[in-house]
Amino acid sequence: MSRPKITKITLEIDGKDTVEIDPNNTDALFFTDQAVKDILAPFYATGAGSGKGVDALSTWTTPTTTGDLPPYLRKIPDCYLG
């Protein structure tokens, strides 16, 4: 049996900005506090893959250069945050 392939991911942020995500280079998207705190942060806390030492929770709660919190975090195959 084959699994259907996701060919396009588009995020709409605040109803105006859109971001295209490459599904061929994305393992997972996280866009809620609960998902980041319960799934992503513990994954990186274990030192998984080449993401050893990445503090996903700190990344999620630190404002970007615009002063806003990140709207999403993306896990790529190499385990770094994108």
N, C-alpha and C. Protein backbone atom coordinates (compact mmCIF):
# COMPACT_ATOMS: atom_id res chain seq x y z
N MET A 1 0.84 -1.17 0.00
CA MET A 1 0.00 0.00 0.00
C MET A 1 0.89 1.24 0.00
N SER A 2 0.52 2.24 -0.76
CA SER A 2 1.30 3.48 -0.77
C SER A 2 0.61 4.56 0.04
N ARG A 3 1.41 5.48 0.56
CA ARG A 3 0.89 6.60 1.33
C ARG A 3 0.81 7.81 0.41
N PRO A 4 -0.31 8.53 0.39
CA PRO A 4 -0.37 9.76 -0.42
C PRO A 4 0.72 10.73 0.00
N LYS A 5 1.27 11.45 -0.95
CA LYS A 5 2.37 12.38 -0.69
C LYS A 5 1.84 13.81 -0.60
N ILE A 6 2.23 14.49 0.48
CA ILE A 6 1.91 15.91 0.63
C ILE A 6 2.81 16.67 -0.34
N THR A 7 2.22 17.48 -1.20
CA THR A 7 3.00 18.18 -2.22
C THR A 7 3.10 19.68 -1.99
N LYS A 8 2.28 20.21 -1.09
CA LYS A 8 2.33 21.65 -0.84
C LYS A 8 1.79 21.96 0.55
N ILE A 9 2.51 22.84 1.25
CA ILE A 9 2.05 23.33 2.56
C ILE A 9 2.14 24.85 2.53
N THR A 10 1.02 25.50 2.76
CA THR A 10 0.98 26.96 2.83
C THR A 10 0.40 27.36 4.17
N LEU A 11 1.13 28.18 4.91
CA LEU A 11 0.63 28.70 6.17
C LEU A 11 0.17 30.13 5.95
N GLU A 12 -1.00 30.45 6.46
CA GLU A 12 -1.50 31.82 6.44
C GLU A 12 -1.42 32.35 7.86
N ILE A 13 -0.72 33.45 8.02
CA ILE A 13 -0.47 34.00 9.35
C ILE A 13 -1.22 35.32 9.51
N ASP A 14 -2.06 35.37 10.52
CA ASP A 14 -2.89 36.55 10.81
C ASP A 14 -3.75 36.96 9.62
N GLY A 15 -4.10 36.01 8.79
CA GLY A 15 -5.00 36.28 7.67
C GLY A 15 -4.41 37.11 6.55
N LYS A 16 -3.09 37.36 6.59
CA LYS A 16 -2.51 38.20 5.54
C LYS A 16 -1.20 37.65 4.98
N ASP A 17 -0.28 37.29 5.84
CA ASP A 17 1.02 36.79 5.37
C ASP A 17 0.92 35.30 5.12
N THR A 18 1.53 34.84 4.03
CA THR A 18 1.59 33.42 3.76
C THR A 18 3.05 32.98 3.69
N VAL A 19 3.27 31.76 4.11
CA VAL A 19 4.60 31.15 4.10
C VAL A 19 4.46 29.80 3.42
N GLU A 20 5.31 29.54 2.44
CA GLU A 20 5.34 28.24 1.78
C GLU A 20 6.37 27.37 2.49
N ILE A 21 5.96 26.17 2.87
CA ILE A 21 6.84 25.22 3.54
C ILE A 21 7.10 24.07 2.56
N ASP A 22 8.37 23.70 2.42
CA ASP A 22 8.74 22.60 1.54
C ASP A 22 8.47 21.27 2.27
N PRO A 23 7.46 20.51 1.83
CA PRO A 23 7.16 19.26 2.51
C PRO A 23 8.24 18.20 2.33
N ASN A 24 9.11 18.38 1.34
CA ASN A 24 10.20 17.43 1.13
C ASN A 24 11.34 17.65 2.11
N ASN A 25 11.33 18.78 2.81
CA ASN A 25 12.38 19.10 3.77
C ASN A 25 11.78 19.48 5.13
N THR A 26 10.64 18.87 5.46
CA THR A 26 9.97 19.17 6.72
C THR A 26 9.44 17.87 7.31
N ASP A 27 9.84 17.60 8.54
CA ASP A 27 9.33 16.43 9.24
C ASP A 27 8.06 16.74 10.01
N ALA A 28 7.98 17.96 10.57
CA ALA A 28 6.82 18.31 11.38
C ALA A 28 6.73 19.82 11.54
N LEU A 29 5.50 20.30 11.72
CA LEU A 29 5.24 21.71 12.01
C LEU A 29 4.58 21.79 13.38
N PHE A 30 4.97 22.78 14.15
CA PHE A 30 4.41 23.00 15.48
C PHE A 30 3.94 24.44 15.56
N PHE A 31 2.68 24.64 15.94
CA PHE A 31 2.16 26.01 15.98
C PHE A 31 1.26 26.27 17.17
N THR A 32 1.34 25.42 18.18
CA THR A 32 0.61 25.69 19.42
C THR A 32 1.56 25.52 20.61
N ASP A 33 1.26 26.21 21.70
CA ASP A 33 2.08 26.08 22.91
C ASP A 33 2.15 24.63 23.36
N GLN A 34 1.01 23.96 23.37
CA GLN A 34 0.97 22.58 23.86
C GLN A 34 1.85 21.66 23.02
N ALA A 35 1.82 21.78 21.70
CA ALA A 35 2.63 20.92 20.84
C ALA A 35 4.12 21.18 21.06
N VAL A 36 4.50 22.44 21.18
CA VAL A 36 5.91 22.76 21.40
C VAL A 36 6.35 22.25 22.77
N LYS A 37 5.55 22.50 23.80
CA LYS A 37 5.93 22.12 25.17
C LYS A 37 5.89 20.61 25.39
N ASP A 38 4.89 19.93 24.83
CA ASP A 38 4.70 18.50 25.11
C ASP A 38 5.41 17.57 24.14
N ILE A 39 5.70 18.03 22.93
CA ILE A 39 6.29 17.14 21.92
C ILE A 39 7.68 17.61 21.48
N LEU A 40 7.77 18.84 20.99
CA LEU A 40 9.03 19.31 20.40
C LEU A 40 10.11 19.54 21.45
N ALA A 41 9.79 20.26 22.51
CA ALA A 41 10.80 20.55 23.54
C ALA A 41 11.36 19.27 24.16
N PRO A 42 10.51 18.30 24.55
CA PRO A 42 11.07 17.06 25.09
C PRO A 42 11.94 16.29 24.08
N PHE A 43 11.56 16.33 22.81
CA PHE A 43 12.35 15.67 21.77
C PHE A 43 13.77 16.22 21.74
N TYR A 44 13.89 17.54 21.71
CA TYR A 44 15.21 18.15 21.67
C TYR A 44 15.94 18.02 23.00
N ALA A 45 15.20 17.98 24.10
CA ALA A 45 15.83 17.85 25.42
C ALA A 45 16.57 16.52 25.56
N THR A 46 16.17 15.52 24.77
CA THR A 46 16.85 14.22 24.82
C THR A 46 18.16 14.25 24.05
N GLY A 47 18.42 15.35 23.32
CA GLY A 47 19.63 15.42 22.51
C GLY A 47 19.48 14.63 21.22
N ALA A 48 18.24 14.48 20.77
CA ALA A 48 17.96 13.67 19.58
C ALA A 48 18.67 14.19 18.34
N GLY A 49 19.18 13.27 17.56
CA GLY A 49 19.79 13.61 16.28
C GLY A 49 20.87 14.67 16.41
N SER A 50 20.99 15.48 15.38
CA SER A 50 22.01 16.54 15.38
C SER A 50 21.47 17.80 16.03
N GLY A 51 20.28 17.72 16.64
CA GLY A 51 19.71 18.88 17.32
C GLY A 51 20.14 18.97 18.77
N LYS A 52 21.16 18.21 19.14
CA LYS A 52 21.63 18.21 20.53
C LYS A 52 21.91 19.63 21.00
N GLY A 53 21.36 19.96 22.13
CA GLY A 53 21.58 21.27 22.71
C GLY A 53 20.58 22.33 22.25
N VAL A 54 19.68 22.00 21.34
CA VAL A 54 18.67 22.96 20.89
C VAL A 54 17.62 23.11 21.98
N ASP A 55 17.31 24.34 22.34
CA ASP A 55 16.28 24.63 23.34
C ASP A 55 15.04 25.12 22.62
N ALA A 56 14.19 24.19 22.23
CA ALA A 56 13.00 24.53 21.45
C ALA A 56 12.05 25.44 22.22
N LEU A 57 11.93 25.22 23.51
CA LEU A 57 11.02 26.04 24.32
C LEU A 57 11.50 27.49 24.36
N SER A 58 12.80 27.68 24.50
CA SER A 58 13.35 29.03 24.49
C SER A 58 13.15 29.70 23.13
N THR A 59 13.36 28.94 22.07
CA THR A 59 13.13 29.47 20.72
C THR A 59 11.68 29.89 20.55
N TRP A 60 10.76 29.10 21.07
CA TRP A 60 9.32 29.36 20.95
C TRP A 60 8.88 30.59 21.75
N THR A 61 9.55 30.86 22.86
CA THR A 61 9.12 31.95 23.74
C THR A 61 9.96 33.22 23.61
N THR A 62 10.88 33.24 22.66
CA THR A 62 11.72 34.41 22.43
C THR A 62 11.19 35.20 21.24
N PRO A 63 10.91 36.50 21.42
CA PRO A 63 10.40 37.30 20.30
C PRO A 63 11.38 37.35 19.12
N THR A 64 10.83 37.43 17.93
CA THR A 64 11.63 37.57 16.72
C THR A 64 12.12 39.02 16.61
N THR A 65 12.81 39.34 15.54
CA THR A 65 13.32 40.70 15.35
C THR A 65 12.19 41.72 15.22
N THR A 66 10.98 41.29 14.89
CA THR A 66 9.84 42.20 14.79
C THR A 66 9.18 42.42 16.14
N GLY A 67 9.63 41.67 17.16
CA GLY A 67 9.04 41.80 18.49
C GLY A 67 7.90 40.83 18.73
N ASP A 68 7.53 40.05 17.72
CA ASP A 68 6.47 39.05 17.87
C ASP A 68 7.07 37.70 18.23
N LEU A 69 6.25 36.86 18.84
CA LEU A 69 6.67 35.48 19.07
C LEU A 69 6.56 34.72 17.75
N PRO A 70 7.37 33.67 17.56
CA PRO A 70 7.28 32.91 16.31
C PRO A 70 5.90 32.29 16.15
N PRO A 71 5.33 32.32 14.95
CA PRO A 71 4.01 31.73 14.74
C PRO A 71 4.06 30.21 14.59
N TYR A 72 5.24 29.67 14.27
CA TYR A 72 5.38 28.22 14.13
C TYR A 72 6.86 27.86 14.25
N LEU A 73 7.11 26.60 14.54
CA LEU A 73 8.45 26.03 14.48
C LEU A 73 8.37 24.84 13.55
N ARG A 74 9.44 24.61 12.84
CA ARG A 74 9.48 23.54 11.85
C ARG A 74 10.65 22.62 12.17
N LYS A 75 10.37 21.32 12.22
CA LYS A 75 11.43 20.35 12.41
C LYS A 75 11.82 19.82 11.04
N ILE A 76 13.08 19.98 10.70
CA ILE A 76 13.57 19.47 9.42
C ILE A 76 14.33 18.16 9.67
N PRO A 77 14.58 17.40 8.63
CA PRO A 77 15.21 16.09 8.82
C PRO A 77 16.52 16.10 9.62
N ASP A 78 17.30 17.17 9.54
CA ASP A 78 18.56 17.23 10.27
C ASP A 78 18.37 17.61 11.74
N CYS A 79 17.12 17.75 12.19
CA CYS A 79 16.76 18.01 13.57
C CYS A 79 16.99 19.45 14.03
N TYR A 80 17.33 20.35 13.14
CA TYR A 80 17.47 21.74 13.53
C TYR A 80 16.15 22.46 13.35
N LEU A 81 15.94 23.51 14.12
CA LEU A 81 14.73 24.32 13.97
C LEU A 81 14.87 25.21 12.76
N GLY A 82 13.80 25.34 12.00
CA GLY A 82 13.85 26.17 10.80
C GLY A 82 12.96 27.37 10.88
